[in-house]
């Protein structure tokens, strides 16, 4: 399938989720990816399909989603990174990467592109982000990106309070 990209960095490209069940399964079907995003640590087929539909709905309704990201040269799926509508903040930012792409700078690169898109294209005034209390890599990433801790907030999918952060437009 020929894929179109709406945003690129030097190494990665962003697309949109469509009927990409196999790609979604390769990401959210991996318990290393989902261990911090759902209570059981692993998404069922039904949950993966629901998540994919949610992303497509968010794109249709709000023009944002956790967009699939690909290696620019090989078109291999890295994971997803993007935005979703969020209550008192305009958008929540999130990222999920396949394990073989961890610790290679892709998370920082993808998040910087999404932040730039949110602040300069969507004119967001602030962004929200959170992470599982045991996910120290996400905590370090958010701090490196300039997010400031706000409070612990209950996250229904895990049943835990997650540290929550805000990034304000300068």
N, C-alpha and C. Protein backbone atom coordinates (compact mmCIF):
# COMPACT_ATOMS: atom_id res chain seq x y z
N UNK A 1 0.84 -1.19 0.00
CA UNK A 1 0.00 0.00 0.00
C UNK A 1 0.89 1.25 0.00
N UNK A 2 0.65 2.12 -0.95
CA UNK A 2 1.39 3.38 -1.02
C UNK A 2 0.87 4.31 0.07
N UNK A 3 1.77 4.80 0.87
CA UNK A 3 1.40 5.61 2.02
C UNK A 3 1.78 7.06 1.76
N UNK A 4 0.92 7.98 2.15
CA UNK A 4 1.28 9.39 2.04
C UNK A 4 1.62 9.91 3.43
N UNK A 5 2.51 10.87 3.46
CA UNK A 5 2.97 11.46 4.71
C UNK A 5 2.61 12.94 4.73
N UNK A 6 2.18 13.42 5.89
CA UNK A 6 1.82 14.83 6.00
C UNK A 6 2.88 15.63 6.75
N UNK A 7 3.81 14.93 7.41
CA UNK A 7 4.85 15.61 8.17
C UNK A 7 6.09 14.72 8.19
N UNK A 8 7.27 15.35 8.03
CA UNK A 8 8.52 14.59 8.01
C UNK A 8 9.58 15.31 8.83
N UNK A 9 10.50 14.51 9.37
CA UNK A 9 11.72 15.04 9.98
C UNK A 9 12.87 14.47 9.14
N UNK A 10 14.08 14.57 9.63
CA UNK A 10 15.20 14.04 8.85
C UNK A 10 15.17 12.52 8.74
N UNK A 11 14.55 11.82 9.72
CA UNK A 11 14.57 10.35 9.71
C UNK A 11 13.22 9.69 9.66
N UNK A 12 12.17 10.40 10.05
CA UNK A 12 10.85 9.77 10.18
C UNK A 12 9.76 10.55 9.45
N UNK A 13 8.65 9.85 9.19
CA UNK A 13 7.51 10.47 8.51
C UNK A 13 6.22 10.06 9.21
N UNK A 14 5.28 10.99 9.25
CA UNK A 14 3.98 10.79 9.90
C UNK A 14 2.89 10.58 8.84
N UNK A 15 2.04 9.61 9.08
CA UNK A 15 0.91 9.33 8.21
C UNK A 15 -0.35 9.37 9.07
N UNK A 16 -1.45 8.83 8.57
CA UNK A 16 -2.67 8.71 9.38
C UNK A 16 -3.11 7.25 9.38
N UNK A 17 -3.73 6.84 10.49
CA UNK A 17 -4.29 5.49 10.57
C UNK A 17 -5.49 5.42 9.66
N UNK A 18 -5.58 4.33 8.93
CA UNK A 18 -6.77 4.04 8.15
C UNK A 18 -7.22 2.65 8.58
N UNK A 19 -7.52 1.78 7.67
CA UNK A 19 -7.90 0.41 8.02
C UNK A 19 -6.64 -0.44 8.16
N UNK A 20 -5.72 -0.03 9.01
CA UNK A 20 -4.40 -0.64 9.15
C UNK A 20 -4.36 -1.65 10.28
N UNK A 21 -5.21 -2.66 10.24
CA UNK A 21 -5.32 -3.60 11.35
C UNK A 21 -3.99 -4.33 11.59
N UNK A 22 -3.32 -4.76 10.54
CA UNK A 22 -2.04 -5.47 10.72
C UNK A 22 -0.98 -4.57 11.35
N UNK A 23 -0.90 -3.34 10.88
CA UNK A 23 0.06 -2.40 11.48
C UNK A 23 -0.28 -2.13 12.93
N UNK A 24 -1.56 -1.92 13.20
CA UNK A 24 -2.01 -1.67 14.58
C UNK A 24 -1.66 -2.86 15.47
N UNK A 25 -1.87 -4.06 14.96
CA UNK A 25 -1.56 -5.28 15.71
C UNK A 25 -0.05 -5.38 15.98
N UNK A 26 0.77 -4.98 15.01
CA UNK A 26 2.23 -5.06 15.20
C UNK A 26 2.71 -4.09 16.28
N UNK A 27 1.93 -3.05 16.54
CA UNK A 27 2.27 -2.08 17.58
C UNK A 27 1.59 -2.44 18.90
N UNK A 28 0.26 -2.35 18.93
CA UNK A 28 -0.48 -2.53 20.18
C UNK A 28 -0.68 -3.99 20.57
N UNK A 29 -0.29 -4.91 19.70
CA UNK A 29 -0.33 -6.33 20.04
C UNK A 29 0.93 -6.80 20.74
N UNK A 30 1.88 -5.90 20.89
CA UNK A 30 3.15 -6.22 21.55
C UNK A 30 3.08 -5.82 23.02
N UNK A 31 3.14 -6.78 23.95
CA UNK A 31 3.03 -6.45 25.38
C UNK A 31 4.15 -5.54 25.89
N UNK A 32 5.29 -5.48 25.20
CA UNK A 32 6.33 -4.53 25.61
C UNK A 32 5.88 -3.10 25.35
N UNK A 33 5.06 -2.90 24.33
CA UNK A 33 4.53 -1.57 24.01
C UNK A 33 3.39 -1.21 24.96
N UNK A 34 2.53 -2.18 25.27
CA UNK A 34 1.30 -1.87 26.01
C UNK A 34 1.39 -2.08 27.52
N UNK A 35 2.52 -2.52 28.01
CA UNK A 35 2.61 -2.83 29.45
C UNK A 35 2.27 -1.64 30.34
N UNK A 36 2.47 -0.42 29.86
CA UNK A 36 2.18 0.76 30.67
C UNK A 36 0.90 1.49 30.25
N UNK A 37 0.17 0.95 29.26
CA UNK A 37 -1.01 1.70 28.79
C UNK A 37 -2.34 0.99 29.02
N UNK A 38 -2.31 -0.22 29.55
CA UNK A 38 -3.56 -0.89 29.93
C UNK A 38 -3.32 -1.76 31.17
N UNK A 39 -4.38 -1.97 31.93
CA UNK A 39 -4.25 -2.64 33.23
C UNK A 39 -3.68 -4.05 33.11
N UNK A 40 -4.08 -4.79 32.08
CA UNK A 40 -3.60 -6.17 31.93
C UNK A 40 -2.18 -6.21 31.37
N UNK A 41 -1.72 -5.09 30.81
CA UNK A 41 -0.40 -5.06 30.20
C UNK A 41 -0.38 -5.52 28.76
N UNK A 42 -1.50 -6.08 28.30
CA UNK A 42 -1.58 -6.57 26.91
C UNK A 42 -2.96 -6.27 26.36
N UNK A 43 -3.01 -5.76 25.15
CA UNK A 43 -4.30 -5.47 24.51
C UNK A 43 -4.82 -6.71 23.78
N UNK A 44 -6.12 -6.95 23.91
CA UNK A 44 -6.77 -8.03 23.17
C UNK A 44 -6.99 -7.58 21.72
N UNK A 45 -7.36 -8.52 20.86
CA UNK A 45 -7.70 -8.17 19.47
C UNK A 45 -8.80 -7.12 19.44
N UNK A 46 -9.79 -7.30 20.29
CA UNK A 46 -10.92 -6.36 20.36
C UNK A 46 -10.43 -4.96 20.78
N UNK A 47 -9.54 -4.90 21.75
CA UNK A 47 -9.01 -3.61 22.21
C UNK A 47 -8.17 -2.94 21.13
N UNK A 48 -7.40 -3.73 20.38
CA UNK A 48 -6.59 -3.18 19.29
C UNK A 48 -7.49 -2.58 18.22
N UNK A 49 -8.53 -3.32 17.84
CA UNK A 49 -9.48 -2.84 16.83
C UNK A 49 -10.19 -1.58 17.32
N UNK A 50 -10.59 -1.58 18.59
CA UNK A 50 -11.24 -0.39 19.18
C UNK A 50 -10.29 0.80 19.15
N UNK A 51 -9.03 0.58 19.51
CA UNK A 51 -8.04 1.67 19.53
C UNK A 51 -7.85 2.24 18.13
N UNK A 52 -7.74 1.38 17.13
CA UNK A 52 -7.58 1.83 15.75
C UNK A 52 -8.78 2.67 15.32
N UNK A 53 -9.99 2.21 15.64
CA UNK A 53 -11.20 2.96 15.29
C UNK A 53 -11.25 4.30 16.00
N UNK A 54 -10.82 4.33 17.26
CA UNK A 54 -10.76 5.58 18.02
C UNK A 54 -9.82 6.58 17.35
N UNK A 55 -8.66 6.11 16.92
CA UNK A 55 -7.70 7.00 16.25
C UNK A 55 -8.29 7.54 14.95
N UNK A 56 -8.95 6.70 14.17
CA UNK A 56 -9.56 7.15 12.91
C UNK A 56 -10.69 8.15 13.18
N UNK A 57 -11.48 7.90 14.23
CA UNK A 57 -12.56 8.82 14.60
C UNK A 57 -11.99 10.17 15.03
N UNK A 58 -10.94 10.15 15.85
CA UNK A 58 -10.32 11.41 16.28
C UNK A 58 -9.81 12.21 15.08
N UNK A 59 -9.25 11.51 14.10
CA UNK A 59 -8.75 12.21 12.91
C UNK A 59 -9.91 12.85 12.14
N UNK A 60 -11.01 12.12 12.00
CA UNK A 60 -12.17 12.66 11.28
C UNK A 60 -12.80 13.84 12.02
N UNK A 61 -12.98 13.70 13.33
CA UNK A 61 -13.68 14.73 14.11
C UNK A 61 -12.80 15.92 14.49
N UNK A 62 -11.55 15.64 14.87
CA UNK A 62 -10.70 16.69 15.46
C UNK A 62 -9.43 16.97 14.66
N UNK A 63 -9.18 16.21 13.60
CA UNK A 63 -7.99 16.36 12.76
C UNK A 63 -6.69 16.07 13.50
N UNK A 64 -6.79 15.23 14.54
CA UNK A 64 -5.60 14.77 15.27
C UNK A 64 -5.79 13.30 15.61
N UNK A 65 -4.69 12.62 15.83
CA UNK A 65 -4.69 11.24 16.31
C UNK A 65 -3.27 10.93 16.76
N UNK A 66 -3.07 9.76 17.34
CA UNK A 66 -1.72 9.28 17.58
C UNK A 66 -1.27 8.70 16.24
N UNK A 67 -0.66 9.55 15.40
CA UNK A 67 -0.35 9.22 14.02
C UNK A 67 0.71 8.12 13.93
N UNK A 68 0.55 7.19 12.98
CA UNK A 68 1.60 6.19 12.77
C UNK A 68 2.85 6.88 12.21
N UNK A 69 4.00 6.46 12.70
CA UNK A 69 5.26 7.04 12.23
C UNK A 69 6.13 5.94 11.63
N UNK A 70 6.84 6.32 10.58
CA UNK A 70 7.61 5.37 9.79
C UNK A 70 9.03 5.87 9.58
N UNK A 71 9.96 4.92 9.41
CA UNK A 71 11.32 5.26 9.00
C UNK A 71 11.20 5.82 7.59
N UNK A 72 11.77 6.97 7.35
CA UNK A 72 11.64 7.63 6.06
C UNK A 72 12.21 6.79 4.92
N UNK A 73 13.37 6.18 5.13
CA UNK A 73 14.02 5.42 4.06
C UNK A 73 13.37 4.07 3.77
N UNK A 74 12.98 3.34 4.82
CA UNK A 74 12.47 1.97 4.63
C UNK A 74 10.95 1.86 4.72
N UNK A 75 10.28 2.89 5.21
CA UNK A 75 8.83 2.90 5.41
C UNK A 75 8.38 1.88 6.46
N UNK A 76 9.29 1.47 7.33
CA UNK A 76 8.96 0.53 8.41
C UNK A 76 8.27 1.28 9.55
N UNK A 77 7.21 0.67 10.11
CA UNK A 77 6.48 1.29 11.22
C UNK A 77 7.36 1.33 12.46
N UNK A 78 7.51 2.53 13.03
CA UNK A 78 8.24 2.71 14.29
C UNK A 78 7.27 2.61 15.46
N UNK A 79 6.10 3.22 15.28
CA UNK A 79 5.10 3.30 16.34
C UNK A 79 4.10 4.38 16.00
N UNK A 80 3.66 5.10 17.02
CA UNK A 80 2.75 6.22 16.78
C UNK A 80 3.09 7.34 17.76
N UNK A 81 2.79 8.54 17.33
CA UNK A 81 3.01 9.72 18.17
C UNK A 81 2.04 10.77 17.69
N UNK A 82 1.39 11.44 18.64
CA UNK A 82 0.45 12.45 18.19
C UNK A 82 -0.34 13.07 19.31
N UNK A 83 -1.54 13.49 18.95
CA UNK A 83 -2.39 14.29 19.82
C UNK A 83 -3.78 13.70 19.87
N UNK A 84 -4.47 14.02 20.95
CA UNK A 84 -5.90 13.73 21.05
C UNK A 84 -6.53 14.86 21.86
N UNK A 85 -7.82 15.10 21.66
CA UNK A 85 -8.50 16.14 22.44
C UNK A 85 -8.40 15.79 23.93
N UNK A 86 -8.25 16.82 24.75
CA UNK A 86 -8.14 16.60 26.19
C UNK A 86 -8.87 17.70 26.92
N UNK A 87 -9.50 17.37 28.02
CA UNK A 87 -10.41 18.26 28.76
C UNK A 87 -9.94 19.71 28.88
N UNK A 88 -9.38 20.13 29.99
CA UNK A 88 -9.10 21.56 30.18
C UNK A 88 -7.87 22.03 29.41
N UNK A 89 -7.14 21.11 28.81
CA UNK A 89 -6.05 21.49 27.91
C UNK A 89 -6.56 21.21 26.51
N UNK A 90 -5.99 21.84 25.52
CA UNK A 90 -6.50 21.61 24.17
C UNK A 90 -6.18 20.21 23.66
N UNK A 91 -4.98 19.72 23.91
CA UNK A 91 -4.58 18.41 23.39
C UNK A 91 -3.72 17.66 24.39
N UNK A 92 -3.81 16.33 24.32
CA UNK A 92 -2.90 15.46 25.04
C UNK A 92 -1.93 14.88 24.02
N UNK A 93 -0.65 14.86 24.35
CA UNK A 93 0.35 14.28 23.47
C UNK A 93 0.74 12.90 24.00
N UNK A 94 0.95 11.96 23.09
CA UNK A 94 1.39 10.63 23.49
C UNK A 94 2.24 9.97 22.44
N UNK A 95 2.99 8.97 22.86
CA UNK A 95 3.85 8.22 21.95
C UNK A 95 3.92 6.77 22.38
N UNK A 96 3.87 5.87 21.41
CA UNK A 96 4.06 4.43 21.63
C UNK A 96 5.03 3.94 20.56
N UNK A 97 6.16 3.39 20.97
CA UNK A 97 7.15 2.90 20.01
C UNK A 97 7.34 1.40 20.12
N UNK A 98 7.60 0.76 18.99
CA UNK A 98 7.95 -0.66 18.99
C UNK A 98 9.34 -0.78 19.62
N UNK A 99 9.59 -1.85 20.39
CA UNK A 99 10.83 -1.97 21.19
C UNK A 99 12.13 -1.85 20.40
N UNK A 100 12.14 -2.32 19.16
CA UNK A 100 13.39 -2.25 18.39
C UNK A 100 13.78 -0.81 18.04
N UNK A 101 12.90 0.15 18.32
CA UNK A 101 13.20 1.55 18.04
C UNK A 101 13.43 2.38 19.30
N UNK A 102 13.45 1.72 20.45
CA UNK A 102 13.74 2.42 21.71
C UNK A 102 15.21 2.82 21.75
N UNK A 103 15.49 3.88 22.50
CA UNK A 103 16.87 4.34 22.77
C UNK A 103 17.66 4.68 21.51
N UNK A 104 16.96 5.20 20.50
CA UNK A 104 17.63 5.61 19.26
C UNK A 104 17.32 7.05 18.90
N UNK A 105 16.65 7.76 19.82
CA UNK A 105 16.34 9.16 19.58
C UNK A 105 15.04 9.41 18.82
N UNK A 106 14.35 8.34 18.44
CA UNK A 106 13.11 8.52 17.67
C UNK A 106 12.00 9.16 18.50
N UNK A 107 11.90 8.82 19.76
CA UNK A 107 10.84 9.38 20.61
C UNK A 107 11.00 10.90 20.71
N UNK A 108 12.21 11.35 20.98
CA UNK A 108 12.47 12.78 21.09
C UNK A 108 12.18 13.48 19.76
N UNK A 109 12.65 12.89 18.67
CA UNK A 109 12.45 13.47 17.34
C UNK A 109 10.97 13.56 16.99
N UNK A 110 10.23 12.49 17.24
CA UNK A 110 8.80 12.48 16.93
C UNK A 110 8.02 13.47 17.79
N UNK A 111 8.31 13.48 19.08
CA UNK A 111 7.60 14.39 19.99
C UNK A 111 7.88 15.85 19.67
N UNK A 112 9.12 16.17 19.32
CA UNK A 112 9.44 17.56 18.94
C UNK A 112 8.63 17.98 17.72
N UNK A 113 8.50 17.09 16.75
CA UNK A 113 7.71 17.40 15.55
C UNK A 113 6.24 17.60 15.90
N UNK A 114 5.70 16.76 16.77
CA UNK A 114 4.30 16.88 17.17
C UNK A 114 4.07 18.16 17.97
N UNK A 115 4.98 18.50 18.86
CA UNK A 115 4.86 19.74 19.62
C UNK A 115 4.86 20.94 18.68
N UNK A 116 5.78 20.96 17.73
CA UNK A 116 5.85 22.04 16.76
C UNK A 116 4.54 22.14 15.97
N UNK A 117 4.01 21.01 15.55
CA UNK A 117 2.75 20.96 14.82
C UNK A 117 1.61 21.51 15.68
N UNK A 118 1.55 21.09 16.92
CA UNK A 118 0.47 21.52 17.82
C UNK A 118 0.52 23.02 18.09
N UNK A 119 1.70 23.52 18.40
CA UNK A 119 1.83 24.92 18.78
C UNK A 119 1.77 25.87 17.59
N UNK A 120 2.37 25.48 16.47
CA UNK A 120 2.48 26.41 15.34
C UNK A 120 1.44 26.21 14.24
N UNK A 121 0.95 25.00 14.07
CA UNK A 121 -0.06 24.76 13.03
C UNK A 121 -1.47 24.77 13.62
N UNK A 122 -1.64 24.09 14.75
CA UNK A 122 -2.96 24.04 15.40
C UNK A 122 -3.18 25.20 16.37
N UNK A 123 -2.12 25.96 16.65
CA UNK A 123 -2.16 27.11 17.55
C UNK A 123 -2.62 26.76 18.96
N UNK A 124 -2.22 25.58 19.42
CA UNK A 124 -2.52 25.18 20.80
C UNK A 124 -1.76 26.10 21.76
N UNK A 125 -2.36 26.41 22.88
CA UNK A 125 -1.70 27.24 23.89
C UNK A 125 -0.91 26.39 24.88
N UNK A 126 -1.32 25.13 25.03
CA UNK A 126 -0.63 24.23 25.94
C UNK A 126 -0.91 22.78 25.54
N UNK A 127 -0.07 21.89 26.02
CA UNK A 127 -0.24 20.45 25.80
C UNK A 127 -0.18 19.73 27.13
N UNK A 128 -0.91 18.64 27.23
CA UNK A 128 -0.91 17.77 28.40
C UNK A 128 -0.23 16.47 28.01
N UNK A 129 0.45 15.85 28.96
CA UNK A 129 1.00 14.50 28.76
C UNK A 129 1.10 13.83 30.11
N UNK A 130 1.02 12.53 30.11
CA UNK A 130 1.16 11.76 31.35
C UNK A 130 1.91 10.48 31.06
N UNK A 131 2.28 9.78 32.12
CA UNK A 131 2.96 8.50 31.95
C UNK A 131 2.66 7.59 33.13
N UNK A 132 2.76 6.30 32.90
CA UNK A 132 2.62 5.30 33.95
C UNK A 132 3.68 5.59 35.01
N UNK A 133 3.34 5.46 36.30
CA UNK A 133 4.31 5.79 37.35
C UNK A 133 5.63 5.00 37.27
N UNK A 134 5.62 3.83 36.67
CA UNK A 134 6.86 3.04 36.55
C UNK A 134 7.62 3.30 35.25
N UNK A 135 7.05 4.10 34.36
CA UNK A 135 7.69 4.35 33.07
C UNK A 135 8.65 5.54 33.17
N UNK A 136 9.84 5.26 33.64
CA UNK A 136 10.85 6.31 33.86
C UNK A 136 11.36 6.89 32.54
N UNK A 137 11.37 6.10 31.47
CA UNK A 137 11.82 6.61 30.17
C UNK A 137 10.89 7.72 29.68
N UNK A 138 9.59 7.53 29.84
CA UNK A 138 8.63 8.57 29.44
C UNK A 138 8.77 9.81 30.32
N UNK A 139 9.01 9.60 31.60
CA UNK A 139 9.21 10.73 32.50
C UNK A 139 10.42 11.56 32.05
N UNK A 140 11.53 10.91 31.76
CA UNK A 140 12.73 11.62 31.30
C UNK A 140 12.48 12.34 29.99
N UNK A 141 11.75 11.70 29.09
CA UNK A 141 11.44 12.32 27.80
C UNK A 141 10.62 13.59 27.98
N UNK A 142 9.58 13.53 28.78
CA UNK A 142 8.72 14.71 28.98
C UNK A 142 9.50 15.87 29.60
N UNK A 143 10.35 15.57 30.56
CA UNK A 143 11.16 16.63 31.18
C UNK A 143 12.13 17.23 30.15
N UNK A 144 12.75 16.37 29.35
CA UNK A 144 13.68 16.84 28.31
C UNK A 144 12.96 17.74 27.30
N UNK A 145 11.69 17.45 27.03
CA UNK A 145 10.90 18.24 26.08
C UNK A 145 10.39 19.55 26.68
N UNK A 146 10.58 19.75 27.98
CA UNK A 146 10.16 20.99 28.62
C UNK A 146 8.82 20.94 29.33
N UNK A 147 8.22 19.77 29.45
CA UNK A 147 6.96 19.65 30.19
C UNK A 147 7.23 19.83 31.68
N UNK A 148 6.28 20.43 32.38
CA UNK A 148 6.37 20.66 33.81
C UNK A 148 5.33 19.79 34.53
N UNK A 149 5.75 19.14 35.60
CA UNK A 149 4.83 18.31 36.39
C UNK A 149 3.72 19.19 36.96
N UNK A 150 2.46 18.69 36.87
CA UNK A 150 1.30 19.41 37.39
C UNK A 150 0.69 18.69 38.58
N UNK A 151 0.37 17.39 38.41
CA UNK A 151 -0.29 16.61 39.47
C UNK A 151 -0.34 15.15 39.02
N UNK A 152 -0.70 14.28 39.94
CA UNK A 152 -1.01 12.90 39.57
C UNK A 152 -2.49 12.85 39.20
N UNK A 153 -2.79 12.17 38.12
CA UNK A 153 -4.16 12.13 37.61
C UNK A 153 -4.57 10.68 37.36
N UNK A 154 -5.80 10.34 37.73
CA UNK A 154 -6.29 8.97 37.56
C UNK A 154 -6.44 8.65 36.08
N UNK A 155 -5.89 7.51 35.67
CA UNK A 155 -5.94 7.05 34.28
C UNK A 155 -6.71 5.73 34.27
N UNK A 156 -7.94 5.79 33.78
CA UNK A 156 -8.85 4.64 33.85
C UNK A 156 -8.29 3.36 33.22
N UNK A 157 -7.64 3.41 32.03
CA UNK A 157 -7.16 2.15 31.43
C UNK A 157 -6.19 1.35 32.30
N UNK A 158 -5.42 2.00 33.16
CA UNK A 158 -4.50 1.26 34.03
C UNK A 158 -5.03 1.14 35.45
N UNK A 159 -6.00 2.00 35.81
CA UNK A 159 -6.52 2.00 37.17
C UNK A 159 -5.56 2.63 38.17
N UNK A 160 -4.62 3.43 37.68
CA UNK A 160 -3.60 4.05 38.53
C UNK A 160 -3.59 5.56 38.36
N UNK A 161 -2.98 6.23 39.32
CA UNK A 161 -2.72 7.65 39.18
C UNK A 161 -1.40 7.82 38.44
N UNK A 162 -1.44 8.57 37.35
CA UNK A 162 -0.25 8.80 36.53
C UNK A 162 0.26 10.22 36.75
N UNK A 163 1.58 10.40 36.85
CA UNK A 163 2.13 11.76 36.87
C UNK A 163 1.72 12.47 35.58
N UNK A 164 1.25 13.71 35.72
CA UNK A 164 0.75 14.46 34.58
C UNK A 164 1.52 15.77 34.44
N UNK A 165 1.70 16.19 33.20
CA UNK A 165 2.57 17.32 32.87
C UNK A 165 1.88 18.25 31.90
N UNK A 166 2.36 19.49 31.87
CA UNK A 166 1.84 20.49 30.96
C UNK A 166 3.01 21.21 30.30
N UNK A 167 2.85 21.49 29.02
CA UNK A 167 3.81 22.30 28.28
C UNK A 167 3.06 23.51 27.78
N UNK A 168 3.51 24.70 28.15
CA UNK A 168 2.86 25.93 27.72
C UNK A 168 3.63 26.55 26.57
N UNK A 169 2.87 27.16 25.66
CA UNK A 169 3.48 27.88 24.55
C UNK A 169 4.25 29.07 25.12
N UNK A 170 5.43 29.30 24.62
CA UNK A 170 6.26 30.42 25.14
C UNK A 170 5.69 31.76 24.75
